[in-house]
Amino acid sequence: MHLSAIGRIVRDEILKSIELRKELSLDTWLIMPNHIHLIVVLDKRDAGQLDYSRQPGQREAKSISSFVAGFKAAVTSAVRKLGTGVIKVWQRGFYDHIIRTEQALFAIGQYIIDNPAKWVMDRLHPRQRADVPDAIDGIIALDAQAPLSAD
């Protein structure tokens, strides 16, 4: 699979976000045509103390939620600047899970690594949907026939 221009924006923003946020590091991660997988490690020593004085609905600084919100905003802004007409880049929210054991880390990492092999069977894959061209909902256009590569 090859990343499209939008896929490259996603990749670059993941790397930039992790570089800027010293409390975060990346483990296994993958960009798929219609979603991404990230195992993000949050080092609470670098994140500082929890702030219980914040207002309801306000994100905690240096949290996974604030990382995802900033990342999504940066990607959306960059994608809109491409002039492709893409307005909505992300679904609302995200799925998170605390990984508590080495065994779980390995299993989830393996799931991420195996994910591209399952793409052709995904209901959103172009071969499965006649109404979708090479770009899946405008997110990331990939050549499903090509081998996985960094660019």
Protein backbone atom coordinates (compact mmCIF):
# COMPACT_ATOMS: atom_id res chain seq x y z
CA MET A 1 0.00 0.00 0.00
CA HIS A 2 1.15 3.51 -0.75
CA LEU A 3 0.09 6.56 1.20
CA SER A 4 -1.75 9.27 -0.70
CA ALA A 5 -1.10 12.95 -0.07
CA ILE A 6 -3.63 12.80 2.77
CA GLY A 7 -2.00 9.65 4.15
CA ARG A 8 1.36 11.41 4.17
CA ILE A 9 -0.20 14.31 6.10
CA VAL A 10 -1.52 11.82 8.66
CA ARG A 11 1.91 10.16 8.95
CA ASP A 12 3.73 13.47 9.27
CA GLU A 13 1.32 14.78 11.90
CA ILE A 14 1.63 11.58 13.95
CA LEU A 15 5.41 11.95 13.99
CA LYS A 16 5.28 15.71 14.63
CA SER A 17 2.76 15.30 17.47
CA ILE A 18 4.85 12.64 19.19
CA GLU A 19 7.99 14.75 18.81
CA LEU A 20 6.28 17.79 20.37
CA ARG A 21 4.74 15.86 23.26
CA LYS A 22 7.58 14.58 25.42
CA GLU A 23 5.13 12.65 27.62
CA LEU A 24 4.17 10.42 24.66
CA SER A 25 6.00 7.79 22.67
CA LEU A 26 4.85 5.49 19.87
CA ASP A 27 4.91 1.74 19.90
CA THR A 28 3.20 -0.04 16.99
CA TRP A 29 1.24 2.13 14.57
CA LEU A 30 -0.32 1.85 11.13
CA ILE A 31 -2.21 4.03 8.69
CA MET A 32 -5.03 2.22 6.89
CA PRO A 33 -7.22 3.61 4.09
CA ASN A 34 -10.14 4.38 6.39
CA HIS A 35 -8.62 4.42 9.88
CA ILE A 36 -5.40 4.45 11.87
CA HIS A 37 -4.03 2.31 14.68
CA LEU A 38 -1.66 3.76 17.27
CA ILE A 39 -0.23 2.28 20.41
CA VAL A 40 0.72 5.43 22.29
CA VAL A 41 2.65 5.23 25.55
CA LEU A 42 1.85 7.98 28.06
CA ASP A 43 4.63 8.59 30.57
CA LYS A 44 2.81 10.11 33.54
CA ARG A 45 6.16 11.29 34.98
CA ASP A 46 6.42 13.70 32.04
CA ALA A 47 2.70 14.47 31.98
CA GLY A 48 2.73 16.08 35.43
CA GLN A 49 -0.02 16.17 38.01
CA LEU A 50 -3.67 15.68 37.14
CA ASP A 51 -5.67 18.90 37.10
CA TYR A 52 -8.94 18.38 38.94
CA SER A 53 -9.87 22.07 38.73
CA ARG A 54 -10.76 21.98 35.04
CA GLN A 55 -14.32 22.52 33.92
CA PRO A 56 -16.61 19.64 32.82
CA GLY A 57 -16.02 18.83 29.16
CA GLN A 58 -12.57 20.41 29.21
CA ARG A 59 -9.71 18.08 28.17
CA GLU A 60 -6.92 17.35 30.59
CA ALA A 61 -3.60 18.74 29.32
CA LYS A 62 -0.96 16.16 28.36
CA SER A 63 -3.54 13.39 28.07
CA ILE A 64 -4.38 10.96 25.29
CA SER A 65 -7.59 12.94 24.65
CA SER A 66 -5.69 16.21 24.20
CA PHE A 67 -3.18 14.46 21.92
CA VAL A 68 -5.94 13.02 19.72
CA ALA A 69 -7.83 16.33 19.56
CA GLY A 70 -4.71 18.26 18.56
CA PHE A 71 -3.64 15.61 16.06
CA LYS A 72 -7.08 15.48 14.40
CA ALA A 73 -7.27 19.28 14.22
CA ALA A 74 -3.81 19.54 12.63
CA VAL A 75 -4.59 16.84 10.05
CA THR A 76 -7.97 18.38 9.20
CA SER A 77 -6.42 21.82 8.72
CA ALA A 78 -3.64 20.46 6.48
CA VAL A 79 -6.07 18.34 4.43
CA ARG A 80 -8.38 21.31 3.83
CA LYS A 81 -5.39 23.33 2.58
CA LEU A 82 -4.85 20.72 -0.16
CA GLY A 83 -7.96 22.01 -1.88
CA THR A 84 -9.41 18.55 -2.50
CA GLY A 85 -12.85 19.54 -1.23
CA VAL A 86 -12.59 17.17 1.72
CA ILE A 87 -14.42 18.78 4.64
CA LYS A 88 -14.90 16.00 7.17
CA VAL A 89 -11.78 13.94 7.75
CA TRP A 90 -12.52 12.15 11.03
CA GLN A 91 -15.38 10.45 12.77
CA ARG A 92 -16.28 11.92 16.12
CA GLY A 93 -14.37 10.53 19.09
CA PHE A 94 -11.92 7.66 19.12
CA TYR A 95 -11.53 4.21 20.60
CA ASP A 96 -8.98 3.89 23.38
CA HIS A 97 -7.94 1.02 25.57
CA ILE A 98 -5.43 0.87 28.41
CA ILE A 99 -2.92 -1.91 27.78
CA ARG A 100 -2.00 -3.37 31.14
CA THR A 101 0.17 -6.41 30.34
CA GLU A 102 3.02 -7.37 28.01
CA GLN A 103 0.78 -10.13 26.67
CA ALA A 104 -1.92 -7.62 25.72
CA LEU A 105 0.69 -5.31 24.17
CA PHE A 106 1.94 -8.15 21.99
CA ALA A 107 -1.59 -9.25 20.98
CA ILE A 108 -2.74 -5.74 20.09
CA GLY A 109 0.52 -5.01 18.27
CA GLN A 110 0.10 -8.20 16.25
CA TYR A 111 -3.51 -7.24 15.42
CA ILE A 112 -2.22 -3.92 14.05
CA ILE A 113 0.53 -5.61 12.04
CA ASP A 114 -1.96 -8.11 10.57
CA ASN A 115 -4.56 -5.45 9.72
CA PRO A 116 -3.43 -4.71 6.12
CA ALA A 117 -3.94 -8.34 5.13
CA LYS A 118 -7.61 -8.01 6.17
CA TRP A 119 -8.18 -4.77 4.23
CA VAL A 120 -9.28 -6.43 1.00
CA MET A 121 -12.20 -8.02 2.89
CA ASP A 122 -13.25 -4.75 4.54
CA ARG A 123 -16.73 -3.59 3.52
CA LEU A 124 -15.23 -0.18 2.65
CA HIS A 125 -12.54 -1.59 0.35
CA PRO A 126 -13.05 -0.38 -3.25
CA ARG A 127 -13.46 -3.98 -4.43
CA GLN A 128 -16.33 -4.41 -1.97
CA ARG A 129 -18.09 -1.11 -2.80
CA ALA A 130 -18.94 -0.09 -6.34
CA ASP A 131 -19.82 3.44 -5.18
CA VAL A 132 -16.35 4.25 -3.79
CA PRO A 133 -13.46 5.20 -6.08
CA ASP A 134 -9.82 4.81 -5.03
CA ALA A 135 -10.24 7.30 -2.18
CA ILE A 136 -12.25 5.92 0.71
CA ASP A 137 -14.47 8.76 1.93
CA GLY A 138 -11.63 11.12 1.08
CA ILE A 139 -9.45 9.89 3.93
CA ILE A 140 -6.48 8.01 2.48
CA ALA A 141 -6.27 6.64 -1.04
CA LEU A 142 -4.10 3.54 -1.24
CA ASP A 143 -3.27 1.18 -4.04
CA ALA A 144 -4.60 -2.10 -2.61
CA GLN A 145 -2.45 -4.11 -5.01
CA ALA A 146 0.91 -2.57 -4.06
CA PRO A 147 3.14 -3.80 -1.23
CA LEU A 148 3.20 -1.83 2.02
CA SER A 149 5.84 0.90 2.04
CA ALA A 150 6.73 4.06 3.93
CA ASP A 151 5.88 6.34 0.99
